Amino acid sequence: MIESYNDLYTTIETSIEQYSKTDGAVELTFTKNDNGTCTMMNMENRKKFVFMFAKFGDEYKVGFALYIPDQYGAAPNPEWIEDIFNNDFDNRFVQTLITEHLIADGQENNGW
């Protein structure tokens, strides 16, 4: 369960480490941003997720946005924005984001 930005960072970093041990893994990077958000990027195709942790009323959620660069490498607007309850955001969920959205070719697997 994510209860702080540190929990968010640890979950994503651990998920990247787990993914990197799989056959055919591509290089993923993790960056903490000055505003507290963090970024997970596929260095091969430049797709990236930006994550944030927030409280909405009495609920805690993790928000995320997927950026897919155009043919010139720019991705000024997210292709997909979503949030999930903090108790549902875990390593398994991040692994799904990695394999189905950061690694997958095209947009047919994005599910929105």
C-alpha atoms as a PDB file:
ATOM      1  CA  MET A   1       0.000   0.000   0.000  1.00  0.00           C
ATOM      2  CA  ILE A   2       1.287   3.450  -0.904  1.00  0.00           C
ATOM      3  CA  GLU A   3       1.129   5.843   2.044  1.00  0.00           C
ATOM      4  CA  SER A   4       3.824   8.344   1.053  1.00  0.00           C
ATOM      5  CA  TYR A   5       5.947   9.468  -1.848  1.00  0.00           C
ATOM      6  CA  ASN A   6       8.764   7.281  -0.485  1.00  0.00           C
ATOM      7  CA  ASP A   7       6.462   4.232  -0.736  1.00  0.00           C
ATOM      8  CA  LEU A   8       5.660   5.228  -4.314  1.00  0.00           C
ATOM      9  CA  TYR A   9       9.345   5.588  -5.218  1.00  0.00           C
ATOM     10  CA  THR A  10      10.271   2.266  -3.619  1.00  0.00           C
ATOM     11  CA  THR A  11       7.452   0.380  -5.344  1.00  0.00           C
ATOM     12  CA  ILE A  12       8.377   1.708  -8.779  1.00  0.00           C
ATOM     13  CA  GLU A  13      12.117   1.194  -8.304  1.00  0.00           C
ATOM     14  CA  THR A  14      11.554  -2.378  -7.095  1.00  0.00           C
ATOM     15  CA  SER A  15       9.289  -3.083 -10.062  1.00  0.00           C
ATOM     16  CA  ILE A  16      11.918  -1.783 -12.487  1.00  0.00           C
ATOM     17  CA  GLU A  17      14.548  -3.997 -10.836  1.00  0.00           C
ATOM     18  CA  GLN A  18      12.258  -7.040 -11.122  1.00  0.00           C
ATOM     19  CA  TYR A  19      11.490  -6.276 -14.768  1.00  0.00           C
ATOM     20  CA  SER A  20      15.189  -5.807 -15.609  1.00  0.00           C
ATOM     21  CA  LYS A  21      15.840  -9.445 -14.615  1.00  0.00           C
ATOM     22  CA  THR A  22      13.475 -10.795 -17.300  1.00  0.00           C
ATOM     23  CA  ASP A  23      14.677 -12.104 -20.652  1.00  0.00           C
ATOM     24  CA  GLY A  24      14.711  -9.427 -23.341  1.00  0.00           C
ATOM     25  CA  ALA A  25      14.260  -6.578 -20.881  1.00  0.00           C
ATOM     26  CA  VAL A  26      14.811  -3.089 -22.253  1.00  0.00           C
ATOM     27  CA  GLU A  27      16.418  -0.304 -20.238  1.00  0.00           C
ATOM     28  CA  LEU A  28      13.992   1.546 -17.972  1.00  0.00           C
ATOM     29  CA  THR A  29      14.963   4.605 -15.960  1.00  0.00           C
ATOM     30  CA  PHE A  30      13.521   6.071 -12.776  1.00  0.00           C
ATOM     31  CA  THR A  31      13.718   9.773 -11.925  1.00  0.00           C
ATOM     32  CA  LYS A  32      12.473  11.725  -8.918  1.00  0.00           C
ATOM     33  CA  ASN A  33      11.288  15.160 -10.006  1.00  0.00           C
ATOM     34  CA  ASP A  34      11.664  18.409  -8.040  1.00  0.00           C
ATOM     35  CA  ASN A  35       7.895  18.671  -7.501  1.00  0.00           C
ATOM     36  CA  GLY A  36       7.699  15.230  -5.829  1.00  0.00           C
ATOM     37  CA  THR A  37       6.405  13.375  -8.862  1.00  0.00           C
ATOM     38  CA  CYS A  38       8.499  10.635 -10.414  1.00  0.00           C
ATOM     39  CA  THR A  39       9.066   9.325 -13.915  1.00  0.00           C
ATOM     40  CA  MET A  40       9.581   5.830 -15.306  1.00  0.00           C
ATOM     41  CA  MET A  41      10.841   5.806 -18.908  1.00  0.00           C
ATOM     42  CA  ASN A  42      11.570   3.206 -21.571  1.00  0.00           C
ATOM     43  CA  MET A  43      14.913   4.384 -22.991  1.00  0.00           C
ATOM     44  CA  GLU A  44      14.344   2.507 -26.261  1.00  0.00           C
ATOM     45  CA  ASN A  45      11.033   4.003 -27.416  1.00  0.00           C
ATOM     46  CA  ARG A  46      10.982   7.035 -25.036  1.00  0.00           C
ATOM     47  CA  LYS A  47       7.507   6.224 -23.677  1.00  0.00           C
ATOM     48  CA  LYS A  48       7.186   7.354 -20.073  1.00  0.00           C
ATOM     49  CA  PHE A  49       4.876   7.403 -17.101  1.00  0.00           C
ATOM     50  CA  VAL A  50       4.741  10.270 -14.630  1.00  0.00           C
ATOM     51  CA  PHE A  51       3.379   9.354 -11.178  1.00  0.00           C
ATOM     52  CA  MET A  52       2.070  11.413  -8.279  1.00  0.00           C
ATOM     53  CA  PHE A  53       0.652  10.628  -4.848  1.00  0.00           C
ATOM     54  CA  ALA A  54      -2.354  12.622  -3.627  1.00  0.00           C
ATOM     55  CA  LYS A  55      -5.160  12.767  -1.124  1.00  0.00           C
ATOM     56  CA  PHE A  56      -8.705  13.231  -2.431  1.00  0.00           C
ATOM     57  CA  GLY A  57     -11.042  13.767   0.499  1.00  0.00           C
ATOM     58  CA  ASP A  58     -10.471  10.799   2.801  1.00  0.00           C
ATOM     59  CA  GLU A  59      -8.901   8.672   0.064  1.00  0.00           C
ATOM     60  CA  TYR A  60      -5.298   8.360  -1.038  1.00  0.00           C
ATOM     61  CA  LYS A  61      -4.591   7.727  -4.699  1.00  0.00           C
ATOM     62  CA  VAL A  62      -1.709   7.354  -7.098  1.00  0.00           C
ATOM     63  CA  GLY A  63      -2.189   9.322 -10.287  1.00  0.00           C
ATOM     64  CA  PHE A  64      -0.284   8.553 -13.455  1.00  0.00           C
ATOM     65  CA  ALA A  65      -0.004   9.804 -17.008  1.00  0.00           C
ATOM     66  CA  LEU A  66       1.439   8.023 -20.041  1.00  0.00           C
ATOM     67  CA  TYR A  67       3.393  10.073 -22.570  1.00  0.00           C
ATOM     68  CA  ILE A  68       4.101   8.632 -26.015  1.00  0.00           C
ATOM     69  CA  PRO A  69       6.523  10.666 -28.125  1.00  0.00           C
ATOM     70  CA  ASP A  70       5.699  11.598 -31.713  1.00  0.00           C
ATOM     71  CA  GLN A  71       8.030  10.982 -34.655  1.00  0.00           C
ATOM     72  CA  TYR A  72      10.099  14.011 -33.584  1.00  0.00           C
ATOM     73  CA  GLY A  73      10.503  12.785 -30.017  1.00  0.00           C
ATOM     74  CA  ALA A  74       8.117  15.305 -28.426  1.00  0.00           C
ATOM     75  CA  ALA A  75       5.341  14.268 -26.048  1.00  0.00           C
ATOM     76  CA  PRO A  76       3.866  17.514 -24.717  1.00  0.00           C
ATOM     77  CA  ASN A  77       0.479  16.025 -23.778  1.00  0.00           C
ATOM     78  CA  PRO A  78      -0.321  12.734 -22.076  1.00  0.00           C
ATOM     79  CA  GLU A  79      -2.013  10.010 -24.083  1.00  0.00           C
ATOM     80  CA  TRP A  80      -3.634   8.548 -20.980  1.00  0.00           C
ATOM     81  CA  ILE A  81      -4.325   9.920 -17.482  1.00  0.00           C
ATOM     82  CA  GLU A  82      -5.650   7.752 -14.678  1.00  0.00           C
ATOM     83  CA  ASP A  83      -5.603   7.285 -10.934  1.00  0.00           C
ATOM     84  CA  ILE A  84      -5.849   4.249  -8.709  1.00  0.00           C
ATOM     85  CA  PHE A  85      -6.475   3.768  -4.989  1.00  0.00           C
ATOM     86  CA  ASN A  86      -3.242   3.593  -3.014  1.00  0.00           C
ATOM     87  CA  ASN A  87      -3.954   0.058  -1.752  1.00  0.00           C
ATOM     88  CA  ASP A  88      -4.259  -1.212  -5.365  1.00  0.00           C
ATOM     89  CA  PHE A  89      -0.941   0.268  -6.506  1.00  0.00           C
ATOM     90  CA  ASP A  90       1.658  -2.455  -6.011  1.00  0.00           C
ATOM     91  CA  ASN A  91       4.520  -4.196  -7.826  1.00  0.00           C
ATOM     92  CA  ARG A  92       2.117  -6.320  -9.836  1.00  0.00           C
ATOM     93  CA  PHE A  93       0.250  -3.239 -11.059  1.00  0.00           C
ATOM     94  CA  VAL A  94       3.504  -1.510 -12.035  1.00  0.00           C
ATOM     95  CA  GLN A  95       4.649  -4.656 -13.883  1.00  0.00           C
ATOM     96  CA  THR A  96       1.427  -4.468 -15.913  1.00  0.00           C
ATOM     97  CA  LEU A  97       2.075  -0.811 -16.741  1.00  0.00           C
ATOM     98  CA  ILE A  98       5.587  -1.716 -17.864  1.00  0.00           C
ATOM     99  CA  THR A  99       4.727  -4.703 -20.054  1.00  0.00           C
ATOM    100  CA  GLU A 100       1.419  -3.533 -21.499  1.00  0.00           C
ATOM    101  CA  HIS A 101       2.153   0.162 -21.965  1.00  0.00           C
ATOM    102  CA  LEU A 102       5.847   1.065 -21.832  1.00  0.00           C
ATOM    103  CA  ILE A 103       7.106  -1.971 -23.735  1.00  0.00           C
ATOM    104  CA  ALA A 104       4.186  -2.800 -26.046  1.00  0.00           C
ATOM    105  CA  ASP A 105       4.372  -1.458 -29.597  1.00  0.00           C
ATOM    106  CA  GLY A 106       1.553   0.697 -30.864  1.00  0.00           C
ATOM    107  CA  GLN A 107      -1.421   1.856 -28.852  1.00  0.00           C
ATOM    108  CA  GLU A 108      -3.677  -1.161 -29.259  1.00  0.00           C
ATOM    109  CA  ASN A 109      -2.787  -2.455 -25.769  1.00  0.00           C
ATOM    110  CA  ASN A 110      -3.348   0.765 -23.868  1.00  0.00           C
ATOM    111  CA  GLY A 111      -6.862  -0.115 -22.793  1.00  0.00           C
ATOM    112  CA  TRP A 112      -8.403   3.322 -22.622  1.00  0.00           C
END
